[in-house]
Amino acid sequence: WVIPAGKKMELVSIGNHALGTKFLNGNHLINDRLNDTFNVISNSIPGFYFGRFDLRCATLNDLYEGTIQVMELNGCGAVPTHIYDPDFSFWRGMWELIVHWRNIFEIARANKKLGVDYISFKEAWGLYWKFKAVTK
């Protein structure tokens, strides 16, 4: 069926690359209030150091106050979705990915100094296939 001209219809309720969601860079919204809010949330998760929160909130002030609904918490392997901002060039997106992976490396190195072993290739490969099987 065809949506009548001028009528708006929500196709999906959660952002998804494959379903036409427009991802925008909101880094200009980061300030001390937002950092404080996410430090409280992050510090309540044992062993969490880095990741991407997919969330919902009604207003920008709600975001700053932590009046949010976390839809999903993605670990360090999550793609920083702001790289899909239409104003980002390919090269800017690549730079953001380099910074992203550099941050992950620095966290892993700091954890190693605290006695946390790196995951072995065999363990990582097994986790990859386990994840792949679950996401089919």
Protein backbone atom coordinates (compact mmCIF):
# COMPACT_ATOMS: atom_id res chain seq x y z
CA TRP A 1 0.00 0.00 0.00
CA VAL A 2 1.08 3.59 -0.53
CA ILE A 3 1.29 6.17 2.25
CA PRO A 4 -0.93 9.14 1.34
CA ALA A 5 0.86 12.35 0.36
CA GLY A 6 1.69 14.49 3.37
CA LYS A 7 1.14 11.72 5.91
CA LYS A 8 4.08 10.70 8.12
CA MET A 9 4.55 7.13 9.26
CA GLU A 10 7.18 5.63 11.53
CA LEU A 11 8.68 2.67 9.72
CA VAL A 12 10.74 1.33 12.60
CA SER A 13 11.06 2.43 16.20
CA ILE A 14 14.79 1.81 16.57
CA GLY A 15 17.56 3.23 14.41
CA ASN A 16 19.04 0.80 11.92
CA HIS A 17 21.49 1.32 9.08
CA ALA A 18 19.67 -1.06 6.77
CA LEU A 19 16.30 0.62 7.31
CA GLY A 20 17.25 4.17 6.38
CA THR A 21 18.03 5.76 9.75
CA LYS A 22 19.96 9.00 9.47
CA PHE A 23 22.81 9.05 11.99
CA LEU A 24 24.12 12.48 13.01
CA ASN A 25 27.21 13.57 14.91
CA GLY A 26 26.12 14.89 18.30
CA ASN A 27 29.60 15.37 19.75
CA HIS A 28 28.92 19.09 20.14
CA LEU A 29 26.41 18.14 22.86
CA ILE A 30 29.12 16.65 25.09
CA ASN A 31 29.76 18.70 28.21
CA ASP A 32 30.58 18.14 31.89
CA ARG A 33 26.93 17.40 32.77
CA LEU A 34 26.73 14.70 30.12
CA ASN A 35 30.08 13.22 31.16
CA ASP A 36 28.93 13.14 34.79
CA THR A 37 25.68 11.39 33.81
CA PHE A 38 27.45 8.69 31.82
CA ASN A 39 30.17 8.28 34.44
CA VAL A 40 27.46 7.40 36.97
CA ILE A 41 25.91 4.88 34.57
CA SER A 42 29.24 3.43 33.41
CA ASN A 43 30.68 3.12 36.90
CA SER A 44 27.68 1.01 37.91
CA ILE A 45 28.73 -1.66 35.38
CA PRO A 46 31.65 -3.75 36.69
CA GLY A 47 34.48 -4.00 34.16
CA PHE A 48 32.95 -1.51 31.73
CA TYR A 49 35.42 0.97 30.30
CA PHE A 50 34.36 1.76 26.77
CA GLY A 51 31.32 1.33 24.58
CA ARG A 52 28.33 2.90 22.91
CA PHE A 53 24.99 3.46 24.58
CA ASP A 54 21.96 3.31 22.30
CA LEU A 55 19.31 5.24 24.15
CA ARG A 56 16.10 7.23 24.07
CA CYS A 57 15.12 10.39 25.85
CA ALA A 58 12.46 13.04 25.39
CA THR A 59 14.58 16.19 25.60
CA LEU A 60 18.18 17.33 25.63
CA ASN A 61 17.79 18.29 29.28
CA ASP A 62 16.58 14.74 30.03
CA LEU A 63 19.76 13.48 28.39
CA TYR A 64 21.92 15.71 30.57
CA GLU A 65 19.98 14.71 33.70
CA GLY A 66 20.18 10.99 32.90
CA THR A 67 16.43 10.63 32.40
CA ILE A 68 17.00 8.15 29.62
CA GLN A 69 16.11 4.67 28.57
CA VAL A 70 19.14 2.60 27.57
CA MET A 71 17.99 0.44 24.69
CA GLU A 72 21.30 -1.31 24.20
CA LEU A 73 24.85 -1.13 25.48
CA ASN A 74 27.45 -2.09 22.92
CA GLY A 75 30.98 -2.95 23.93
CA CYS A 76 34.25 -1.80 22.46
CA GLY A 77 33.62 -3.47 19.12
CA ALA A 78 30.60 -1.28 18.42
CA VAL A 79 30.94 1.11 15.53
CA PRO A 80 30.80 4.80 16.49
CA THR A 81 27.64 5.62 14.56
CA HIS A 82 28.38 9.33 14.25
CA ILE A 83 30.74 8.42 11.39
CA TYR A 84 27.63 7.90 9.25
CA ASP A 85 26.70 11.59 9.52
CA PRO A 86 26.04 12.75 5.94
CA ASP A 87 28.39 15.70 6.53
CA PHE A 88 31.31 13.37 7.29
CA SER A 89 33.68 12.61 4.45
CA PHE A 90 34.96 9.09 3.95
CA TRP A 91 38.35 10.17 5.31
CA ARG A 92 36.88 11.82 8.40
CA GLY A 93 35.00 8.59 9.11
CA MET A 94 38.21 6.60 8.71
CA TRP A 95 40.00 8.97 11.10
CA GLU A 96 37.23 8.53 13.69
CA LEU A 97 37.61 4.75 13.41
CA ILE A 98 41.38 5.03 13.92
CA VAL A 99 40.80 7.13 17.06
CA HIS A 100 38.14 4.63 18.22
CA TRP A 101 40.48 1.65 17.92
CA ARG A 102 43.39 3.61 19.41
CA ASN A 103 41.26 4.29 22.51
CA ILE A 104 40.43 0.58 22.78
CA PHE A 105 44.13 -0.26 22.51
CA GLU A 106 45.05 2.24 25.25
CA ILE A 107 42.38 0.82 27.59
CA ALA A 108 43.55 -2.74 26.93
CA ARG A 109 47.16 -1.74 27.58
CA ALA A 110 46.21 0.01 30.85
CA ASN A 111 44.22 -3.06 31.94
CA LYS A 112 47.18 -5.30 31.08
CA LYS A 113 49.34 -3.22 33.44
CA LEU A 114 46.71 -3.89 36.13
CA GLY A 115 47.03 -7.65 35.57
CA VAL A 116 44.20 -8.27 33.10
CA ASP A 117 45.44 -10.62 30.39
CA TYR A 118 44.77 -9.98 26.75
CA ILE A 119 42.29 -12.36 25.17
CA SER A 120 44.00 -15.00 23.03
CA PHE A 121 43.33 -15.25 19.32
CA LYS A 122 41.73 -18.66 19.90
CA GLU A 123 39.35 -17.23 22.53
CA ALA A 124 38.49 -14.26 20.30
CA TRP A 125 37.84 -16.54 17.32
CA GLY A 126 35.54 -18.72 19.43
CA LEU A 127 33.62 -15.70 20.71
CA TYR A 128 33.27 -14.39 17.16
CA TRP A 129 31.64 -17.63 15.98
CA LYS A 130 29.45 -17.81 19.07
CA PHE A 131 28.25 -14.24 18.46
CA LYS A 132 27.73 -14.95 14.76
CA ALA A 133 25.57 -17.98 15.58
CA VAL A 134 23.40 -15.97 18.00
CA THR A 135 22.87 -13.07 15.58
CA LYS A 136 21.70 -15.18 12.63
